[in-house]
């Protein structure tokens, strides 16, 4: 029908309500509410006869307009409604809301809508550009098995309680940036056909992304995970059992080469994991980033004051007044991440990631060992060495004290049993203290110099010398031989150089204590030199 064409008034009835629409081709906001109270049959009969007009470059006309409506007084069941294009619920208020199996066209707007009670969009379908920016969902919310076309946005949205996104299909370019999820957010078996971002989002306790499928890239840059989080892989069989995945979901996923055990390019740059996180059985087949942020991140313009994410506390003003997150934010793990049975991409990075202090548990040591072996298989020597160090720090706390080992050995001996003695704790601590598990050159170099100084003092004492400086002339004529003797015994293969100094200091025969000092000095020096070489090998990634 033409825009200026008038239609005879129509009366629609249902659910004990009557709605008189003066011009069904140009419905008003108040008439939309009256017609909605008549139920889905009445609404859909009107919508099928009088579709939305306009869109794209022209404003919508005859669209479903519920913007700023207050539904807290009277509940309206929107289940199975066919809204058409341009439906608007912006800034509307709901106590409880039911949109199960409703159908929305493109440009649906729930911008700033407030939901105080439970909300159900289960099985609903949305066209392109569905907007839920700055929405607040106060209680349990479900979008289970919804279908979104391209460009669904939830920027700055708040989900106070449980969120169910199981089996949802999102089109290209989905945006949950700067949102906040309460406890028990579930994206089990959800499919992002294209790219998806959760930049600077806060995700609460018991978040479950198991079996999440992504056809494009996925970003959790600068996101805070407040509690236990799972990104575990699922098989198709397990996913069908877990979330009743539809045949459409599986077909779409396979068409985009997505599966419930694969991540393509994924970024956790600058993310913070305040609880446990589990990536077990995942295959990372694209660039995988657990490194620091490289660029500043702008907050959505004019939304800085109402964004719910905790990350907002770290915003700083830029020169133009725009609020933004500074770059250089590191990934932080409060607990050891689990990557059991994972396959990491060769372009995976944990550069600058901060891991928790050693906990002294077998689980933590095993988790680091898995990462060490994964990078070893890729010949990523530096990452492999880093996780080896973390594993050793855990092993050091797990190891028994020497007295406990001796006590256990004695008990076994009394029972006539034999057992292999594990490495005592003090050796781990010694290895860490003097070489940082083979990665420090400064510590063993300091040990080497300290051994030379102490040995020099011991040799001088055993030779009956009194301390003096070489600059003191004839009165300090023995200083040269003493330094020569100590230096020659500090370096393997230079013992011949010590013979003239030995004759001058001790005569033809060395005393017992001098021999013991030489043996100890040489052992410590060789150990220090070995550790310096080991550190150089590790630091320069030499095999």
Protein backbone atom coordinates (compact mmCIF):
# COMPACT_ATOMS: atom_id res chain seq x y z
CA UNK A 1 0.00 0.00 0.00
CA UNK A 2 1.10 3.60 -0.54
CA UNK A 3 2.27 5.73 2.42
CA UNK A 4 -0.59 8.21 2.05
CA UNK A 5 -3.24 5.57 1.40
CA UNK A 6 -5.81 5.31 4.19
CA UNK A 7 -7.25 1.97 5.25
CA UNK A 8 -10.58 1.44 6.89
CA UNK A 9 -10.40 0.94 10.67
CA UNK A 10 -10.14 -2.65 11.82
CA UNK A 11 -11.09 -4.31 15.07
CA UNK A 12 -9.06 -7.24 16.37
CA UNK A 13 -10.07 -9.40 19.32
CA UNK A 14 -8.43 -12.04 21.53
CA UNK A 15 -7.48 -12.89 25.11
CA UNK A 16 -10.56 -11.00 26.31
CA UNK A 17 -9.33 -7.76 24.69
CA UNK A 18 -10.47 -5.73 21.71
CA UNK A 19 -8.21 -3.41 19.73
CA UNK A 20 -9.53 -0.82 17.28
CA UNK A 21 -6.84 0.21 14.78
CA UNK A 22 -7.84 3.44 13.11
CA UNK A 23 -5.41 3.05 10.21
CA UNK A 24 -3.98 -0.52 10.11
CA UNK A 25 -1.39 0.59 7.56
CA UNK A 26 0.03 3.24 9.93
CA UNK A 27 -0.35 1.83 13.44
CA UNK A 28 0.44 4.05 16.42
CA UNK A 29 2.44 3.22 19.53
CA UNK A 30 -0.69 3.07 21.72
CA UNK A 31 -2.47 0.85 19.18
CA UNK A 32 0.51 -1.52 19.16
CA UNK A 33 0.05 -2.10 22.89
CA UNK A 34 -3.71 -2.62 22.55
CA UNK A 35 -3.24 -5.07 19.68
CA UNK A 36 -0.49 -6.99 21.51
CA UNK A 37 -2.85 -7.59 24.44
CA UNK A 38 -5.15 -9.46 22.03
CA UNK A 39 -2.49 -12.16 21.59
CA UNK A 40 -0.38 -13.68 18.82
CA UNK A 41 -3.22 -14.67 16.49
CA UNK A 42 -4.69 -11.19 16.32
CA UNK A 43 -1.29 -9.54 16.02
CA UNK A 44 -0.04 -11.88 13.29
CA UNK A 45 -3.28 -11.48 11.32
CA UNK A 46 -2.68 -7.73 11.25
CA UNK A 47 1.02 -8.03 10.54
CA UNK A 48 0.58 -10.46 7.64
CA UNK A 49 -1.89 -8.09 5.98
CA UNK A 50 -0.04 -4.87 6.81
CA UNK A 51 3.75 -5.42 6.80
CA UNK A 52 6.37 -2.86 7.80
CA UNK A 53 7.35 -0.36 5.12
CA UNK A 54 10.58 1.49 4.61
CA UNK A 55 13.95 0.58 6.00
CA UNK A 56 17.51 0.66 4.69
CA UNK A 57 17.84 4.34 3.75
CA UNK A 58 14.23 5.32 4.57
CA UNK A 59 12.63 5.44 8.05
CA UNK A 60 10.41 2.55 9.02
CA UNK A 61 6.66 3.00 8.89
CA UNK A 62 3.93 0.82 10.36
CA UNK A 63 6.52 -0.90 12.55
CA UNK A 64 5.94 -2.47 15.94
CA UNK A 65 6.66 0.40 18.30
CA UNK A 66 6.84 -0.48 22.01
CA UNK A 67 9.63 1.94 22.90
CA UNK A 68 9.48 3.26 26.48
CA UNK A 69 6.40 1.12 27.24
CA UNK A 70 5.98 -0.01 30.84
CA UNK A 71 5.05 -3.70 30.89
CA UNK A 72 5.59 -4.06 34.65
CA UNK A 73 1.89 -3.28 35.30
CA UNK A 74 0.36 -5.79 32.89
CA UNK A 75 2.14 -8.85 31.52
CA UNK A 76 1.97 -9.36 27.74
CA UNK A 77 2.87 -12.72 26.24
CA UNK A 78 4.79 -12.01 23.01
CA UNK A 79 5.35 -15.68 22.25
CA UNK A 80 5.11 -16.55 18.53
CA UNK A 81 4.54 -12.91 17.52
CA UNK A 82 5.69 -11.94 14.03
CA UNK A 83 7.07 -8.45 14.50
CA UNK A 84 8.51 -7.70 11.08
CA UNK A 85 11.31 -5.20 10.44
CA UNK A 86 12.19 -2.28 12.68
CA UNK A 87 10.48 -3.50 15.88
CA UNK A 88 11.43 -1.26 18.78
CA UNK A 89 11.37 -2.02 22.50
CA UNK A 90 14.03 0.56 23.33
CA UNK A 91 13.91 1.76 26.95
CA UNK A 92 10.87 -0.44 27.64
CA UNK A 93 10.40 -1.87 31.14
CA UNK A 94 9.42 -5.45 31.90
CA UNK A 95 8.85 -7.42 35.06
CA UNK A 96 8.65 -10.76 33.27
CA UNK A 97 8.95 -11.15 29.52
CA UNK A 98 8.06 -13.99 27.18
CA UNK A 99 9.18 -13.84 23.54
CA UNK A 100 9.46 -17.60 22.91
CA UNK A 101 9.49 -18.48 19.20
CA UNK A 102 8.83 -14.87 18.21
CA UNK A 103 10.09 -13.72 14.82
CA UNK A 104 11.81 -10.38 14.34
CA UNK A 105 12.92 -8.83 11.05
CA UNK A 106 15.96 -6.68 10.61
CA UNK A 107 16.82 -3.64 12.79
CA UNK A 108 15.17 -4.90 15.98
CA UNK A 109 15.86 -2.58 18.90
CA UNK A 110 15.86 -3.42 22.61
CA UNK A 111 18.36 -0.61 23.35
CA UNK A 112 18.32 0.24 27.07
CA UNK A 113 15.38 -2.07 27.86
CA UNK A 114 15.03 -3.15 31.51
CA UNK A 115 13.96 -6.69 32.49
CA UNK A 116 13.42 -7.13 36.25
CA UNK A 117 12.23 -10.75 36.32
CA UNK A 118 12.81 -13.84 34.20
CA UNK A 119 13.04 -13.45 30.43
CA UNK A 120 12.58 -16.01 27.67
CA UNK A 121 13.52 -15.57 24.02
CA UNK A 122 13.78 -19.33 23.56
CA UNK A 123 13.57 -20.30 19.90
CA UNK A 124 13.14 -16.70 18.70
CA UNK A 125 14.52 -15.56 15.34
CA UNK A 126 16.15 -12.19 14.64
CA UNK A 127 17.09 -10.57 11.35
CA UNK A 128 20.20 -8.48 10.76
CA UNK A 129 21.20 -5.73 13.20
CA UNK A 130 19.44 -6.86 16.37
CA UNK A 131 20.44 -4.47 19.16
CA UNK A 132 20.38 -5.22 22.90
CA UNK A 133 22.94 -2.56 23.85
CA UNK A 134 22.75 -1.32 27.48
CA UNK A 135 19.94 -3.78 28.30
CA UNK A 136 19.64 -4.97 31.87
CA UNK A 137 18.42 -8.48 32.54
CA UNK A 138 17.70 -8.79 36.25
CA UNK A 139 16.83 -12.48 36.66
CA UNK A 140 17.17 -15.74 34.77
CA UNK A 141 17.41 -15.11 31.04
CA UNK A 142 17.26 -17.62 28.21
CA UNK A 143 17.95 -17.26 24.50
CA UNK A 144 18.26 -21.03 24.05
CA UNK A 145 18.17 -22.14 20.41
CA UNK A 146 17.64 -18.59 19.13
CA UNK A 147 18.81 -17.62 15.67
CA UNK A 148 20.46 -14.28 14.98
CA UNK A 149 21.40 -12.98 11.58
CA UNK A 150 24.43 -10.72 11.12
CA UNK A 151 25.51 -7.96 13.52
CA UNK A 152 23.77 -8.81 16.79
CA UNK A 153 25.03 -6.46 19.50
CA UNK A 154 24.89 -6.62 23.30
CA UNK A 155 27.33 -3.77 24.00
CA UNK A 156 27.22 -2.73 27.66
CA UNK A 157 24.40 -5.20 28.47
CA UNK A 158 24.02 -6.56 32.02
CA UNK A 159 22.92 -10.09 32.89
CA UNK A 160 22.53 -10.18 36.68
CA UNK A 161 21.57 -13.84 37.01
CA UNK A 162 21.86 -17.05 35.01
CA UNK A 163 22.08 -16.61 31.24
CA UNK A 164 21.24 -19.47 28.90
CA UNK A 165 22.66 -19.14 25.38
CA UNK A 166 22.78 -22.89 24.71
CA UNK A 167 22.53 -23.82 21.06
CA UNK A 168 22.13 -20.22 19.87
CA UNK A 169 23.17 -19.47 16.28
CA UNK A 170 24.79 -16.05 15.81
CA UNK A 171 25.53 -14.67 12.36
CA UNK A 172 28.55 -12.61 11.31
CA UNK A 173 29.97 -9.94 13.62
CA UNK A 174 28.47 -10.56 17.06
CA UNK A 175 29.39 -8.06 19.76
CA UNK A 176 29.24 -8.55 23.56
CA UNK A 177 31.85 -5.84 24.29
CA UNK A 178 31.78 -4.09 27.68
CA UNK A 179 28.94 -6.32 28.92
CA UNK A 180 28.66 -7.97 32.33
CA UNK A 181 27.52 -11.52 32.97
CA UNK A 182 26.42 -12.71 36.39
CA UNK A 183 26.93 -16.25 37.62
CA UNK A 184 26.19 -19.31 35.46
CA UNK A 185 26.34 -17.85 31.95
CA UNK A 186 26.13 -20.75 29.50
CA UNK A 187 27.10 -20.71 25.82
CA UNK A 188 27.26 -24.52 25.57
CA UNK A 189 27.02 -25.55 21.94
CA UNK A 190 26.42 -22.01 20.71
CA UNK A 191 27.59 -21.23 17.18
CA UNK A 192 29.14 -17.95 16.03
CA UNK A 193 29.01 -18.24 12.26
CA UNK A 194 31.48 -15.38 11.83
CA UNK A 195 33.58 -13.23 14.14
CA UNK A 196 32.58 -12.53 17.75
CA UNK A 197 34.00 -10.17 20.38
CA UNK A 198 33.73 -10.03 24.16
CA UNK A 199 36.19 -7.14 24.57
CA UNK A 200 36.45 -5.66 28.10
CA UNK A 201 33.57 -7.85 29.29
CA UNK A 202 33.13 -9.10 32.87
CA UNK A 203 32.09 -12.76 33.09
CA UNK A 204 30.90 -14.11 36.43
CA UNK A 205 31.20 -17.42 38.25
CA UNK A 206 30.60 -20.80 36.63
CA UNK A 207 30.67 -19.55 33.06
CA UNK A 208 30.40 -22.42 30.58
CA UNK A 209 31.61 -22.11 26.99
CA UNK A 210 31.96 -25.88 26.49
CA UNK A 211 31.44 -26.94 22.91
CA UNK A 212 31.36 -23.31 21.73
CA UNK A 213 31.76 -23.18 17.93
CA UNK A 214 33.22 -20.27 15.99
CA UNK A 215 33.45 -19.98 12.22
CA UNK A 216 35.65 -16.87 12.38
CA UNK A 217 37.80 -15.23 15.04
CA UNK A 218 36.94 -14.85 18.71
CA UNK A 219 38.21 -12.13 21.05
CA UNK A 220 38.11 -11.93 24.83
CA UNK A 221 40.61 -9.07 24.95
CA UNK A 222 40.81 -7.34 28.36
CA UNK A 223 37.97 -9.53 29.68
CA UNK A 224 37.70 -10.39 33.39
CA UNK A 225 36.64 -13.95 34.28
CA UNK A 226 35.55 -13.79 37.91
CA UNK A 227 35.30 -17.50 38.67
CA UNK A 228 35.37 -21.02 37.31
CA UNK A 229 35.22 -20.98 33.51
CA UNK A 230 35.10 -23.86 31.03
CA UNK A 231 36.06 -23.80 27.37
CA UNK A 232 36.23 -27.60 27.15
CA UNK A 233 35.70 -29.34 23.83
CA UNK A 234 32.71 -31.57 23.21
CA UNK A 235 32.09 -34.19 20.57
CA UNK A 236 28.99 -33.96 18.39
CA UNK A 237 27.49 -36.84 20.32
CA UNK A 238 28.17 -35.19 23.68
CA UNK A 239 26.85 -31.87 22.38
CA UNK A 240 23.60 -33.45 21.16
CA UNK A 241 23.16 -34.98 24.59
CA UNK A 242 24.16 -31.80 26.43
CA UNK A 243 22.18 -29.17 24.54
CA UNK A 244 19.96 -31.04 22.07
CA UNK A 245 21.86 -29.51 19.14
CA UNK A 246 19.60 -29.23 16.12
CA UNK A 247 20.43 -30.60 12.69
CA UNK A 248 20.42 -26.98 11.42
CA UNK A 249 23.06 -26.04 13.96
CA UNK A 250 25.30 -28.93 12.96
CA UNK A 251 24.81 -28.20 9.25
CA UNK A 252 25.68 -24.51 9.67
CA UNK A 253 28.71 -25.34 11.78
CA UNK A 254 30.12 -27.81 9.27
CA UNK A 255 29.44 -25.37 6.44
CA UNK A 256 31.68 -22.81 8.18
CA UNK A 257 34.22 -25.50 9.15
CA UNK A 258 33.37 -24.99 12.81
CA UNK A 259 33.13 -27.77 15.36
CA UNK A 260 32.63 -28.04 19.15
CA UNK A 261 36.30 -28.89 19.70
CA UNK A 262 38.04 -26.34 17.43
CA UNK A 263 38.98 -22.71 17.98
CA UNK A 264 40.32 -20.78 15.05
CA UNK A 265 41.98 -17.41 15.69
CA UNK A 266 41.30 -16.55 19.34
CA UNK A 267 42.63 -13.78 21.55
CA UNK A 268 42.72 -13.44 25.33
CA UNK A 269 45.14 -10.51 25.26
CA UNK A 270 45.05 -8.68 28.59
CA UNK A 271 42.40 -11.03 30.04
CA UNK A 272 42.28 -11.84 33.75
CA UNK A 273 41.24 -15.24 35.03
CA UNK A 274 40.35 -14.90 38.71
CA UNK A 275 39.24 -18.53 39.01
CA UNK A 276 40.02 -21.80 37.28
CA UNK A 277 39.86 -22.09 33.49
CA UNK A 278 39.73 -25.32 31.51
CA UNK A 279 40.53 -25.64 27.78
CA UNK A 280 40.82 -29.44 27.81
CA UNK A 281 40.57 -31.27 24.46
CA UNK A 282 40.43 -28.05 22.43
CA UNK A 283 42.23 -27.81 19.09
CA UNK A 284 43.60 -24.32 18.50
CA UNK A 285 43.91 -24.04 14.71
CA UNK A 286 44.63 -20.33 14.37
CA UNK A 287 46.65 -17.58 16.03
CA UNK A 288 46.20 -17.99 19.79
CA UNK A 289 47.04 -15.03 22.03
CA UNK A 290 47.47 -15.09 25.81
CA UNK A 291 49.80 -12.10 25.64
CA UNK A 292 49.55 -8.42 26.60
CA UNK A 293 47.38 -5.92 24.76
CA UNK A 294 49.21 -4.07 22.00
CA UNK A 295 46.78 -1.22 21.39
CA UNK A 296 44.56 1.08 23.40
CA UNK A 297 40.87 0.13 23.52
CA UNK A 298 38.25 2.87 23.20
CA UNK A 299 35.11 2.69 25.34
CA UNK A 300 31.84 3.17 23.43
CA UNK A 301 31.28 6.89 22.95
CA UNK A 302 28.94 8.53 25.50
CA UNK A 303 28.50 5.22 27.35
CA UNK A 304 31.43 5.38 29.78
CA UNK A 305 29.26 6.25 32.78
CA UNK A 306 26.73 3.45 32.29
CA UNK A 307 28.95 0.56 31.24
CA UNK A 308 28.61 -2.33 33.72
CA UNK A 309 31.96 -4.05 33.13
CA UNK A 310 34.52 -3.95 35.96
CA UNK A 311 37.14 -3.04 33.38
CA UNK A 312 35.66 0.47 33.29
CA UNK A 313 37.50 1.26 36.53
CA UNK A 314 40.72 1.21 34.52
CA UNK A 315 39.63 3.70 31.86
CA UNK A 316 41.78 6.76 31.28
CA UNK A 317 40.95 9.87 29.21
CA UNK A 318 42.65 10.39 25.87
CA UNK A 319 43.61 13.72 24.37
CA UNK A 320 40.25 14.10 22.66
CA UNK A 321 38.33 13.29 25.83
CA UNK A 322 37.46 9.75 24.73
CA UNK A 323 37.82 7.21 27.54
CA UNK A 324 39.97 4.20 26.76
CA UNK A 325 41.87 1.27 28.21
CA UNK A 326 45.65 1.68 28.10
CA UNK A 327 47.73 -0.81 26.14
CA UNK A 328 50.22 -3.19 27.76
CA UNK A 329 47.69 -4.99 29.94
CA UNK A 330 49.00 -8.50 30.75
CA UNK A 331 47.10 -11.77 30.94
CA UNK A 332 46.81 -12.91 34.56
CA UNK A 333 45.94 -16.38 35.85
CA UNK A 334 44.92 -16.72 39.50
CA UNK A 335 44.97 -20.51 39.09
CA UNK A 336 46.94 -22.74 36.76
CA UNK A 337 45.06 -23.06 33.42
CA UNK A 338 44.25 -26.56 32.18
CA UNK A 339 45.08 -27.53 28.61
CA UNK A 340 44.91 -31.30 28.89
CA UNK A 341 44.76 -33.15 25.55
CA UNK A 342 44.91 -29.82 23.67
CA UNK A 343 46.58 -29.13 20.35
CA UNK A 344 48.10 -25.67 20.24
CA UNK A 345 48.67 -23.70 17.06
CA UNK A 346 52.29 -23.02 16.17
CA UNK A 347 51.55 -19.30 16.50
CA UNK A 348 50.49 -19.46 20.16
CA UNK A 349 51.85 -16.92 22.62
CA UNK A 350 51.90 -16.58 26.40
CA UNK A 351 54.37 -13.69 26.29
CA UNK A 352 54.18 -11.64 29.48
CA UNK A 353 51.42 -13.80 30.98
CA UNK A 354 51.39 -13.79 34.79
CA UNK A 355 50.89 -17.15 36.51
CA UNK A 356 50.05 -17.78 40.17
CA UNK A 357 52.64 -18.42 42.85
CA UNK A 358 53.55 -22.09 43.16
CA UNK A 359 50.83 -24.07 44.92
CA UNK A 360 52.69 -27.34 45.49
CA UNK A 361 50.02 -29.59 43.97
CA UNK A 362 50.30 -32.47 41.52
CA UNK A 363 47.49 -30.98 39.44
CA UNK A 364 49.37 -27.71 38.97
CA UNK A 365 52.62 -29.47 38.10
CA UNK A 366 50.78 -31.70 35.62
CA UNK A 367 49.06 -28.71 34.00
CA UNK A 368 52.39 -26.94 33.44
CA UNK A 369 53.93 -30.19 32.17
CA UNK A 370 51.20 -30.47 29.55
CA UNK A 371 51.94 -26.96 28.27
CA UNK A 372 55.67 -27.66 28.33
CA UNK A 373 55.21 -30.78 26.21
CA UNK A 374 52.86 -28.99 23.80
CA UNK A 375 55.44 -26.30 23.08
CA UNK A 376 58.22 -28.88 22.96
CA UNK A 377 56.37 -30.65 20.15
CA UNK A 378 56.37 -27.33 18.26
CA UNK A 379 60.04 -26.75 19.06
CA UNK A 380 59.02 -23.47 20.70
CA UNK A 381 62.00 -23.60 23.02
CA UNK A 382 61.45 -20.42 25.00
CA UNK A 383 57.83 -21.21 25.86
CA UNK A 384 58.81 -24.79 26.65
CA UNK A 385 61.51 -23.57 29.04
CA UNK A 386 59.15 -21.17 30.75
CA UNK A 387 56.64 -23.87 31.58
CA UNK A 388 59.48 -26.16 32.66
CA UNK A 389 60.45 -23.54 35.24
CA UNK A 390 56.87 -23.27 36.47
CA UNK A 391 56.65 -27.05 36.67
CA UNK A 392 59.87 -27.21 38.69
CA UNK A 393 58.57 -24.59 41.12
CA UNK A 394 55.55 -26.82 41.76
CA UNK A 395 57.73 -29.91 42.10
CA UNK A 396 59.90 -28.09 44.64
CA UNK A 397 56.91 -27.63 46.97
CA UNK A 398 55.64 -31.16 46.37
CA UNK A 399 59.01 -32.72 47.27
CA UNK A 400 59.52 -34.00 50.82
CA UNK A 401 61.97 -32.43 53.27
CA UNK A 402 65.18 -34.41 53.75
CA UNK A 403 64.31 -35.43 57.30
CA UNK A 404 60.96 -36.82 56.15
CA UNK A 405 62.63 -38.82 53.39
CA UNK A 406 65.20 -40.24 55.78
CA UNK A 407 62.47 -41.14 58.26
CA UNK A 408 60.43 -42.89 55.54
CA UNK A 409 63.53 -44.70 54.28
CA UNK A 410 64.34 -45.91 57.78
CA UNK A 411 60.80 -47.23 58.27
CA UNK A 412 60.97 -49.13 54.99
CA UNK A 413 64.39 -50.46 55.92
CA UNK A 414 63.05 -51.83 59.21
CA UNK A 415 60.30 -53.62 57.28
CA UNK A 416 62.81 -55.11 54.88
CA UNK A 417 61.45 -53.11 51.95
CA UNK A 418 63.29 -51.10 49.34
CA UNK A 419 62.11 -48.01 47.52
CA UNK A 420 63.69 -45.43 45.26
CA UNK A 421 64.36 -42.24 47.18
CA UNK A 422 62.78 -39.15 45.52
CA UNK A 423 64.65 -35.89 45.21
CA UNK A 424 64.60 -33.99 48.52
CA UNK A 425 63.11 -30.51 48.65
CA UNK A 426 66.35 -28.73 49.48
CA UNK A 427 67.89 -29.73 46.12
CA UNK A 428 65.00 -28.14 44.24
CA UNK A 429 65.38 -25.01 46.34
CA UNK A 430 69.13 -24.98 45.79
CA UNK A 431 68.64 -25.34 42.04
CA UNK A 432 66.12 -22.50 42.09
CA UNK A 433 68.21 -20.28 44.32
CA UNK A 434 71.52 -20.46 42.50
CA UNK A 435 70.27 -20.63 38.89
CA UNK A 436 66.50 -20.01 38.69
CA UNK A 437 66.12 -23.55 37.37
CA UNK A 438 68.83 -23.06 34.75
CA UNK A 439 67.71 -19.70 33.38
CA UNK A 440 69.89 -17.20 35.25
CA UNK A 441 73.46 -16.29 34.31
CA UNK A 442 73.86 -13.67 37.04
CA UNK A 443 73.23 -16.03 39.96
CA UNK A 444 75.79 -18.72 39.04
CA UNK A 445 78.28 -16.00 38.03
CA UNK A 446 77.84 -14.50 41.48
CA UNK A 447 78.33 -17.97 43.00
CA UNK A 448 81.54 -18.38 41.00
CA UNK A 449 82.98 -15.06 42.22
CA UNK A 450 81.89 -15.72 45.79
CA UNK A 451 83.61 -19.13 45.70
CA UNK A 452 86.85 -17.49 44.45
CA UNK A 453 86.78 -14.87 47.22
CA UNK A 454 86.03 -17.33 50.01
CA UNK A 455 88.58 -19.83 48.73
CA UNK A 456 91.21 -17.09 48.46
CA UNK A 457 90.59 -16.10 52.09
CA UNK A 458 90.77 -19.78 53.15
CA UNK A 459 94.04 -20.39 51.25
CA UNK A 460 95.58 -17.26 52.76
CA UNK A 461 94.60 -18.33 56.26
CA UNK A 462 96.00 -21.84 55.71
CA UNK A 463 99.25 -20.36 54.39
CA UNK A 464 99.57 -18.15 57.52
CA UNK A 465 99.23 -14.91 55.61
CA UNK A 466 97.87 -11.63 56.98
CA UNK A 467 95.42 -9.69 54.82
CA UNK A 468 96.91 -6.84 52.79
CA UNK A 469 96.40 -5.05 49.53
CA UNK A 470 98.79 -5.66 46.60
CA UNK A 471 99.53 -1.93 46.46
CA UNK A 472 101.27 -2.16 49.83
CA UNK A 473 104.49 -3.24 48.07
CA UNK A 474 107.14 -5.54 49.56
CA UNK A 475 105.07 -6.16 52.69
CA UNK A 476 102.42 -7.83 50.51
CA UNK A 477 104.67 -9.86 48.20
CA UNK A 478 102.63 -13.03 48.75
CA UNK A 479 99.40 -11.52 47.38
CA UNK A 480 100.30 -12.35 43.76
CA UNK A 481 100.90 -16.07 44.34
CA UNK A 482 97.77 -16.31 46.47
CA UNK A 483 95.56 -14.83 43.72
CA UNK A 484 97.30 -17.02 41.12
CA UNK A 485 96.69 -20.16 43.19
CA UNK A 486 92.97 -19.38 43.76
CA UNK A 487 92.32 -18.38 40.14
CA UNK A 488 94.05 -21.45 38.70
CA UNK A 489 91.96 -23.82 40.79
CA UNK A 490 88.75 -21.97 39.90
CA UNK A 491 89.12 -22.82 36.20
CA UNK A 492 89.27 -26.47 35.09
CA UNK A 493 92.39 -27.29 33.08
CA UNK A 494 94.54 -24.53 34.60
CA UNK A 495 95.91 -26.52 37.55
CA UNK A 496 99.50 -26.44 36.19
CA UNK A 497 99.54 -22.68 36.63
CA UNK A 498 98.98 -23.17 40.36
CA UNK A 499 102.19 -25.16 40.99
CA UNK A 500 104.65 -22.21 41.36
CA UNK A 501 102.21 -20.39 43.61
CA UNK A 502 101.63 -23.58 45.61
CA UNK A 503 105.36 -24.00 46.27
CA UNK A 504 105.64 -20.38 47.34
CA UNK A 505 102.67 -20.55 49.69
CA UNK A 506 102.67 -24.12 51.06
CA UNK A 507 105.98 -25.67 50.12
CA UNK A 508 106.14 -29.05 48.41
CA UNK A 509 103.17 -30.64 50.21
CA UNK A 510 99.64 -29.32 50.73
CA UNK A 511 97.97 -29.77 54.08
CA UNK A 512 94.80 -31.85 54.49
CA UNK A 513 92.57 -28.81 54.96
CA UNK A 514 94.07 -27.11 51.94
CA UNK A 515 93.38 -30.20 49.80
CA UNK A 516 89.77 -30.29 51.01
CA UNK A 517 89.39 -26.56 50.30
CA UNK A 518 90.76 -27.06 46.76
CA UNK A 519 88.32 -29.94 46.12
CA UNK A 520 85.34 -27.94 47.41
CA UNK A 521 86.42 -24.81 45.54
CA UNK A 522 86.82 -26.69 42.27
CA UNK A 523 83.45 -28.47 42.67
CA UNK A 524 81.59 -25.22 43.30
CA UNK A 525 83.39 -23.49 40.41
CA UNK A 526 82.60 -26.31 37.97
CA UNK A 527 78.95 -26.27 39.10
CA UNK A 528 78.74 -22.48 38.61
CA UNK A 529 80.34 -22.65 35.16
CA UNK A 530 77.98 -25.48 34.15
CA UNK A 531 74.96 -23.46 35.28
CA UNK A 532 76.17 -20.39 33.35
CA UNK A 533 76.48 -22.53 30.22
CA UNK A 534 73.04 -24.06 30.83
CA UNK A 535 71.48 -20.62 31.21
CA UNK A 536 73.12 -19.37 28.00
CA UNK A 537 71.85 -22.46 26.17
CA UNK A 538 68.33 -21.90 27.47
CA UNK A 539 68.25 -18.15 26.93
CA UNK A 540 69.50 -18.42 23.34
CA UNK A 541 67.28 -21.44 22.63
CA UNK A 542 70.17 -23.73 21.70
CA UNK A 543 69.65 -27.47 21.59
